[in-house]
C-alpha atoms as a PDB file:
ATOM      1  CA  UNK A   1     -24.848 -19.385  -1.842  1.00  0.00           C
ATOM      2  CA  UNK A   2     -22.740 -22.293  -0.901  1.00  0.00           C
ATOM      3  CA  UNK A   3     -19.213 -22.232  -2.345  1.00  0.00           C
ATOM      4  CA  UNK A   4     -19.120 -25.910  -2.612  1.00  0.00           C
ATOM      5  CA  UNK A   5     -22.041 -25.993  -5.003  1.00  0.00           C
ATOM      6  CA  UNK A   6     -20.184 -23.545  -7.434  1.00  0.00           C
ATOM      7  CA  UNK A   7     -18.968 -24.752 -10.849  1.00  0.00           C
ATOM      8  CA  UNK A   8     -15.354 -23.944 -11.867  1.00  0.00           C
ATOM      9  CA  UNK A   9     -16.727 -21.226 -14.242  1.00  0.00           C
ATOM     10  CA  UNK A  10     -18.781 -19.673 -11.383  1.00  0.00           C
ATOM     11  CA  UNK A  11     -15.795 -19.750  -9.206  1.00  0.00           C
ATOM     12  CA  UNK A  12     -13.582 -18.152 -11.773  1.00  0.00           C
ATOM     13  CA  UNK A  13     -15.976 -15.545 -12.330  1.00  0.00           C
ATOM     14  CA  UNK A  14     -16.346 -14.770  -8.619  1.00  0.00           C
ATOM     15  CA  UNK A  15     -12.642 -14.761  -8.380  1.00  0.00           C
ATOM     16  CA  UNK A  16     -12.453 -11.999 -11.109  1.00  0.00           C
ATOM     17  CA  UNK A  17     -15.081  -9.850  -9.284  1.00  0.00           C
ATOM     18  CA  UNK A  18     -13.311 -10.285  -6.077  1.00  0.00           C
ATOM     19  CA  UNK A  19      -9.811  -9.347  -7.446  1.00  0.00           C
ATOM     20  CA  UNK A  20     -11.335  -6.364  -9.275  1.00  0.00           C
ATOM     21  CA  UNK A  21     -12.634  -5.132  -5.940  1.00  0.00           C
ATOM     22  CA  UNK A  22      -9.462  -5.691  -4.107  1.00  0.00           C
ATOM     23  CA  UNK A  23      -7.620  -3.740  -6.591  1.00  0.00           C
ATOM     24  CA  UNK A  24     -10.321  -0.788  -6.296  1.00  0.00           C
ATOM     25  CA  UNK A  25      -9.719  -0.706  -2.703  1.00  0.00           C
ATOM     26  CA  UNK A  26      -6.139  -0.793  -2.757  1.00  0.00           C
ATOM     27  CA  UNK A  27      -6.190   2.040  -5.235  1.00  0.00           C
ATOM     28  CA  UNK A  28      -8.289   4.264  -3.080  1.00  0.00           C
ATOM     29  CA  UNK A  29      -6.086   3.583  -0.043  1.00  0.00           C
ATOM     30  CA  UNK A  30      -2.966   4.471  -2.050  1.00  0.00           C
ATOM     31  CA  UNK A  31      -4.644   7.658  -3.245  1.00  0.00           C
ATOM     32  CA  UNK A  32      -5.500   8.483   0.390  1.00  0.00           C
ATOM     33  CA  UNK A  33      -1.997   8.117   1.437  1.00  0.00           C
ATOM     34  CA  UNK A  34      -0.560  10.120  -1.435  1.00  0.00           C
ATOM     35  CA  UNK A  35      -2.999  13.195  -0.708  1.00  0.00           C
ATOM     36  CA  UNK A  36      -1.590  13.496   2.908  1.00  0.00           C
ATOM     37  CA  UNK A  37       2.103  12.955   1.985  1.00  0.00           C
ATOM     38  CA  UNK A  38       4.472  15.827   1.566  1.00  0.00           C
ATOM     39  CA  UNK A  39       8.291  15.974   0.769  1.00  0.00           C
ATOM     40  CA  UNK A  40      10.511  15.546   3.775  1.00  0.00           C
ATOM     41  CA  UNK A  41       7.680  14.201   5.888  1.00  0.00           C
ATOM     42  CA  UNK A  42       8.552  11.402   8.303  1.00  0.00           C
ATOM     43  CA  UNK A  43       6.925   8.084   7.692  1.00  0.00           C
ATOM     44  CA  UNK A  44       7.083   4.384   8.740  1.00  0.00           C
ATOM     45  CA  UNK A  45       6.334   0.910   7.018  1.00  0.00           C
ATOM     46  CA  UNK A  46       6.886  -2.533   7.742  1.00  0.00           C
ATOM     47  CA  UNK A  47       9.562  -4.483   5.861  1.00  0.00           C
ATOM     48  CA  UNK A  48      11.006  -7.890   6.153  1.00  0.00           C
ATOM     49  CA  UNK A  49      13.443  -6.594   8.517  1.00  0.00           C
ATOM     50  CA  UNK A  50      10.835  -5.033  10.623  1.00  0.00           C
ATOM     51  CA  UNK A  51       9.577  -1.486  11.150  1.00  0.00           C
ATOM     52  CA  UNK A  52      11.373   1.108   9.019  1.00  0.00           C
ATOM     53  CA  UNK A  53      11.348   4.872   9.840  1.00  0.00           C
ATOM     54  CA  UNK A  54      12.431   7.407   7.200  1.00  0.00           C
ATOM     55  CA  UNK A  55      11.554  10.657   5.275  1.00  0.00           C
ATOM     56  CA  UNK A  56       9.766  10.999   1.876  1.00  0.00           C
ATOM     57  CA  UNK A  57      12.192  12.136  -0.662  1.00  0.00           C
ATOM     58  CA  UNK A  58       9.969  11.780  -3.943  1.00  0.00           C
ATOM     59  CA  UNK A  59       6.286  11.227  -4.565  1.00  0.00           C
ATOM     60  CA  UNK A  60       5.395   9.534  -7.809  1.00  0.00           C
ATOM     61  CA  UNK A  61       1.639   8.557  -8.976  1.00  0.00           C
ATOM     62  CA  UNK A  62       1.658   5.001  -7.496  1.00  0.00           C
ATOM     63  CA  UNK A  63       4.982   4.929  -5.486  1.00  0.00           C
ATOM     64  CA  UNK A  64       6.902   6.809  -2.822  1.00  0.00           C
ATOM     65  CA  UNK A  65      10.630   6.969  -2.478  1.00  0.00           C
ATOM     66  CA  UNK A  66      11.796   6.847   1.177  1.00  0.00           C
ATOM     67  CA  UNK A  67      15.215   7.349   2.698  1.00  0.00           C
ATOM     68  CA  UNK A  68      15.323   5.475   5.750  1.00  0.00           C
ATOM     69  CA  UNK A  69      17.309   6.292   9.031  1.00  0.00           C
ATOM     70  CA  UNK A  70      20.136   4.065   7.868  1.00  0.00           C
ATOM     71  CA  UNK A  71      20.256   6.114   4.613  1.00  0.00           C
ATOM     72  CA  UNK A  72      18.898   3.323   2.505  1.00  0.00           C
ATOM     73  CA  UNK A  73      16.243   4.199  -0.284  1.00  0.00           C
ATOM     74  CA  UNK A  74      12.961   2.462  -0.552  1.00  0.00           C
ATOM     75  CA  UNK A  75      10.728   2.584  -3.569  1.00  0.00           C
ATOM     76  CA  UNK A  76       7.253   1.561  -2.087  1.00  0.00           C
ATOM     77  CA  UNK A  77       3.615   1.429  -3.084  1.00  0.00           C
ATOM     78  CA  UNK A  78       1.994   4.358  -1.289  1.00  0.00           C
ATOM     79  CA  UNK A  79      -0.367   2.116   0.559  1.00  0.00           C
ATOM     80  CA  UNK A  80       2.419   0.663   2.423  1.00  0.00           C
ATOM     81  CA  UNK A  81       3.457   3.827   3.988  1.00  0.00           C
ATOM     82  CA  UNK A  82       1.976   5.192   7.161  1.00  0.00           C
ATOM     83  CA  UNK A  83       2.466   8.650   8.543  1.00  0.00           C
ATOM     84  CA  UNK A  84       4.744   8.990  11.566  1.00  0.00           C
ATOM     85  CA  UNK A  85       1.804  10.839  13.452  1.00  0.00           C
ATOM     86  CA  UNK A  86      -0.406   7.742  12.911  1.00  0.00           C
ATOM     87  CA  UNK A  87       2.079   5.812  15.195  1.00  0.00           C
ATOM     88  CA  UNK A  88       1.740   8.063  18.105  1.00  0.00           C
END
């Protein structure tokens, strides 16, 4: 299949399928992280300011609240969070 040969309707349908698959993969990744997380656990994530380290203070169904080392609170999608042990 050559993408240049597809019509607008075919491209839009392909886009819908790809977006749906991306959503599924992100949801699965989020669930994988949520299963491993515990309150008080040390984690890290990438922000616009660089690498941020902190502790989990609340776990929601889709998001996690983290208190960083500088005492700021971050509400993040679970998929953004990495366990500190993954860094080592």
